[in-house]
């Protein structure tokens, strides 16, 4: 295991921790909170990074990045559904 496979998941865990209140708030008030470009570009980029990490055998990084990307996908769904 390389040190990067520990640092990347830790940073992603912090990103996930920061996104949870945003997602909860979106479900609570049922309003569009951001433009569609922000979550769309972010979740697509994170999924690309997850595949990249997988090809480098950085398995912890892959899982953590997939989790973060999925939360951004939820934000995208909120943006589309709550107009």
Protein backbone atom coordinates (compact mmCIF):
# COMPACT_ATOMS: atom_id res chain seq x y z
CA UNK A 1 0.00 0.00 0.00
CA UNK A 2 1.27 3.44 -0.88
CA UNK A 3 0.79 6.49 1.30
CA UNK A 4 -1.45 8.13 -1.32
CA UNK A 5 -4.01 5.37 -0.78
CA UNK A 6 -4.38 6.61 2.79
CA UNK A 7 -4.32 10.36 2.21
CA UNK A 8 -6.88 10.44 -0.62
CA UNK A 9 -9.60 8.56 1.32
CA UNK A 10 -9.06 10.75 4.39
CA UNK A 11 -9.52 13.90 2.31
CA UNK A 12 -12.57 12.36 0.61
CA UNK A 13 -14.02 11.54 4.02
CA UNK A 14 -13.75 15.22 4.92
CA UNK A 15 -15.49 16.15 1.65
CA UNK A 16 -18.24 13.63 2.42
CA UNK A 17 -18.63 15.04 5.93
CA UNK A 18 -18.99 18.53 4.41
CA UNK A 19 -21.61 17.40 1.85
CA UNK A 20 -23.95 15.59 4.23
CA UNK A 21 -25.47 18.78 5.74
CA UNK A 22 -25.97 20.21 2.23
CA UNK A 23 -27.84 17.09 1.09
CA UNK A 24 -29.93 16.99 4.26
CA UNK A 25 -30.80 20.67 3.89
CA UNK A 26 -31.83 20.09 0.27
CA UNK A 27 -34.16 17.26 1.25
CA UNK A 28 -35.56 19.34 4.09
CA UNK A 29 -36.43 22.54 2.19
CA UNK A 30 -37.08 20.89 -1.21
CA UNK A 31 -35.60 23.79 -3.18
CA UNK A 32 -32.96 24.03 -5.89
CA UNK A 33 -29.81 25.23 -4.12
CA UNK A 34 -27.23 25.37 -6.93
CA UNK A 35 -26.90 25.53 -10.68
CA UNK A 36 -26.93 22.22 -12.52
CA UNK A 37 -23.35 22.61 -13.81
CA UNK A 38 -21.73 22.43 -10.37
CA UNK A 39 -22.88 18.95 -9.27
CA UNK A 40 -22.84 17.54 -12.82
CA UNK A 41 -19.22 18.41 -13.57
CA UNK A 42 -18.11 17.44 -10.06
CA UNK A 43 -19.75 14.02 -9.98
CA UNK A 44 -18.57 13.14 -13.49
CA UNK A 45 -15.02 14.21 -12.66
CA UNK A 46 -15.04 12.22 -9.43
CA UNK A 47 -16.25 9.08 -11.21
CA UNK A 48 -13.40 9.49 -13.72
CA UNK A 49 -10.96 9.87 -10.82
CA UNK A 50 -12.38 6.73 -9.17
CA UNK A 51 -11.77 4.69 -12.32
CA UNK A 52 -8.29 6.17 -12.55
CA UNK A 53 -7.54 5.21 -8.94
CA UNK A 54 -8.82 1.70 -9.63
CA UNK A 55 -6.40 1.31 -12.56
CA UNK A 56 -3.59 2.32 -10.19
CA UNK A 57 -4.71 -0.31 -7.63
CA UNK A 58 -5.58 2.40 -5.09
CA UNK A 59 -8.60 0.54 -3.74
CA UNK A 60 -9.31 2.68 -0.66
CA UNK A 61 -9.11 5.80 -2.80
CA UNK A 62 -11.47 4.25 -5.34
CA UNK A 63 -14.13 3.46 -2.74
CA UNK A 64 -13.84 6.84 -1.03
CA UNK A 65 -14.02 8.72 -4.32
CA UNK A 66 -17.03 6.69 -5.45
CA UNK A 67 -18.77 7.60 -2.19
CA UNK A 68 -18.02 11.28 -2.68
CA UNK A 69 -19.14 11.13 -6.32
CA UNK A 70 -22.40 9.48 -5.30
CA UNK A 71 -23.16 12.30 -2.87
CA UNK A 72 -22.54 14.81 -5.65
CA UNK A 73 -24.91 12.76 -7.82
CA UNK A 74 -27.56 13.09 -5.11
CA UNK A 75 -27.01 16.86 -5.18
CA UNK A 76 -27.47 16.75 -8.96
CA UNK A 77 -30.75 14.88 -8.54
CA UNK A 78 -31.90 17.45 -6.00
CA UNK A 79 -31.04 20.23 -8.44
CA UNK A 80 -33.05 18.57 -11.22
CA UNK A 81 -36.04 17.51 -9.10
CA UNK A 82 -36.43 20.55 -6.84
CA UNK A 83 -36.99 23.43 -9.25
